[in-house]
Protein backbone atom coordinates (compact mmCIF):
# COMPACT_ATOMS: atom_id res chain seq x y z
CA MET A 1 -0.08 0.01 0.13
CA SER A 2 1.22 3.69 -0.63
CA ASP A 3 0.67 6.10 2.37
CA GLU A 4 1.81 9.32 0.01
CA PRO A 5 -0.92 10.78 -2.34
CA GLN A 6 -0.46 10.23 -5.85
CA GLN A 7 -2.19 12.13 -8.40
CA TRP A 8 -3.63 10.02 -10.87
CA TYR A 9 -5.86 10.68 -13.86
CA VAL A 10 -9.36 9.50 -15.27
CA LEU A 11 -10.21 9.48 -18.66
CA LEU A 12 -13.90 9.50 -19.49
CA HIS A 13 -15.46 8.30 -22.67
CA GLU A 14 -18.75 8.71 -23.96
CA PRO A 15 -20.31 8.19 -27.34
CA VAL A 16 -20.41 11.03 -29.40
CA ASP A 17 -23.79 9.64 -30.93
CA PRO A 18 -26.35 8.12 -29.03
CA ILE A 19 -25.58 4.82 -29.95
CA GLY A 20 -25.60 3.40 -26.32
CA ALA A 21 -24.28 -0.28 -25.82
CA GLY A 22 -23.77 -0.17 -29.59
CA VAL A 23 -20.12 1.02 -29.55
CA PHE A 24 -19.11 -2.44 -28.82
CA ALA A 25 -20.39 -3.48 -32.22
CA ASP A 26 -18.56 -0.34 -34.01
CA PRO A 27 -15.83 -1.00 -35.75
CA ARG A 28 -13.86 1.90 -34.16
CA PHE A 29 -14.23 0.05 -30.94
CA GLY A 30 -11.29 -1.98 -31.59
CA LEU A 31 -8.95 1.05 -32.20
CA HIS A 32 -9.97 2.10 -28.51
CA VAL A 33 -9.15 -1.43 -27.43
CA ALA A 34 -5.75 -1.02 -29.15
CA PHE A 35 -5.10 1.96 -27.11
CA LEU A 36 -5.77 0.72 -23.86
CA GLY A 37 -3.69 -2.07 -24.81
CA ARG A 38 -0.68 0.35 -25.51
CA LEU A 39 -1.09 2.16 -22.31
CA HIS A 40 -1.10 -1.68 -20.43
CA GLU A 41 2.47 -2.07 -22.28
CA GLN A 42 3.58 1.28 -21.23
CA GLY A 43 2.45 0.63 -17.45
CA ARG A 44 0.47 3.39 -17.26
CA LEU A 45 -2.96 1.90 -17.10
CA VAL A 46 -4.49 1.19 -14.05
CA GLY A 47 -7.69 -0.24 -15.02
CA ALA A 48 -10.46 0.49 -17.68
CA GLY A 49 -14.16 -0.49 -18.54
CA PRO A 50 -17.70 0.43 -19.06
CA LEU A 51 -19.87 2.42 -16.48
CA ASP A 52 -22.67 0.19 -16.17
CA ASP A 53 -25.08 2.85 -15.17
CA ARG A 54 -24.75 4.74 -18.66
CA PRO A 55 -24.69 2.36 -21.57
CA GLY A 56 -21.81 3.03 -24.33
CA THR A 57 -19.72 4.95 -21.40
CA GLY A 58 -16.28 4.27 -20.11
CA MET A 59 -13.43 5.22 -18.09
CA ALA A 60 -9.89 4.49 -17.94
CA VAL A 61 -7.37 5.16 -14.93
CA LEU A 62 -3.61 6.50 -15.76
CA ARG A 63 -0.80 6.61 -13.32
CA GLY A 64 2.48 7.78 -13.86
CA VAL A 65 2.02 10.66 -16.01
CA ASP A 66 1.40 14.62 -15.72
CA GLU A 67 -1.81 16.19 -16.54
CA ASN A 68 -0.70 17.61 -20.00
CA GLU A 69 0.77 14.11 -20.91
CA ALA A 70 -2.94 12.46 -19.87
CA ARG A 71 -4.49 14.66 -22.31
CA ARG A 72 -1.91 14.03 -24.80
CA LEU A 73 -2.57 10.89 -24.36
CA ALA A 74 -6.53 11.12 -24.51
CA GLU A 75 -6.12 12.65 -27.77
CA GLU A 76 -4.07 10.06 -29.41
CA ASP A 77 -6.81 7.27 -28.85
CA GLU A 78 -7.90 6.75 -32.87
CA SER A 79 -11.36 5.97 -31.77
CA VAL A 80 -11.83 9.78 -30.50
CA ARG A 81 -9.93 10.95 -33.25
CA GLN A 82 -12.47 9.26 -35.38
CA GLY A 83 -15.52 10.30 -33.51
CA LEU A 84 -16.82 7.41 -31.74
CA PHE A 85 -15.98 9.31 -28.45
CA ARG A 86 -15.55 12.18 -26.60
CA VAL A 87 -12.93 12.01 -23.69
CA ARG A 88 -12.88 14.17 -20.53
CA VAL A 89 -9.85 14.13 -18.40
CA ARG A 90 -10.33 14.43 -14.85
CA PRO A 91 -7.47 14.59 -12.20
CA TRP A 92 -7.80 12.17 -9.03
CA THR A 93 -5.85 12.28 -5.92
CA VAL A 94 -5.70 8.66 -4.65
CA LEU A 95 -4.81 8.77 -1.05
CA LEU A 96 -4.75 4.97 -0.55
CA ALA A 97 -3.56 2.37 -3.30
CA VAL A 98 -2.95 -1.03 -3.18
CA GLU A 99 0.16 -2.26 -5.26
């Protein structure tokens, strides 16, 4: 466990068009999965997945980046560039992390 506060970032994704859970069937969704895979390989991704109370939305949590890098990474997601998702970057102060 880490006792020192850490600054992580949350990428909140929501579909640009109201297609709800249909985002998983959209061919651009594979681009999003590839983006998350790259973040995982780089050791930046803590976790990612859908938000069940809002179909088609999801979030990814990043660590080891500053705010500028989190925003840059969010914009590199080709599914965002191609208009499947819009993304918001939110800072999250983590007071307790289980490593």
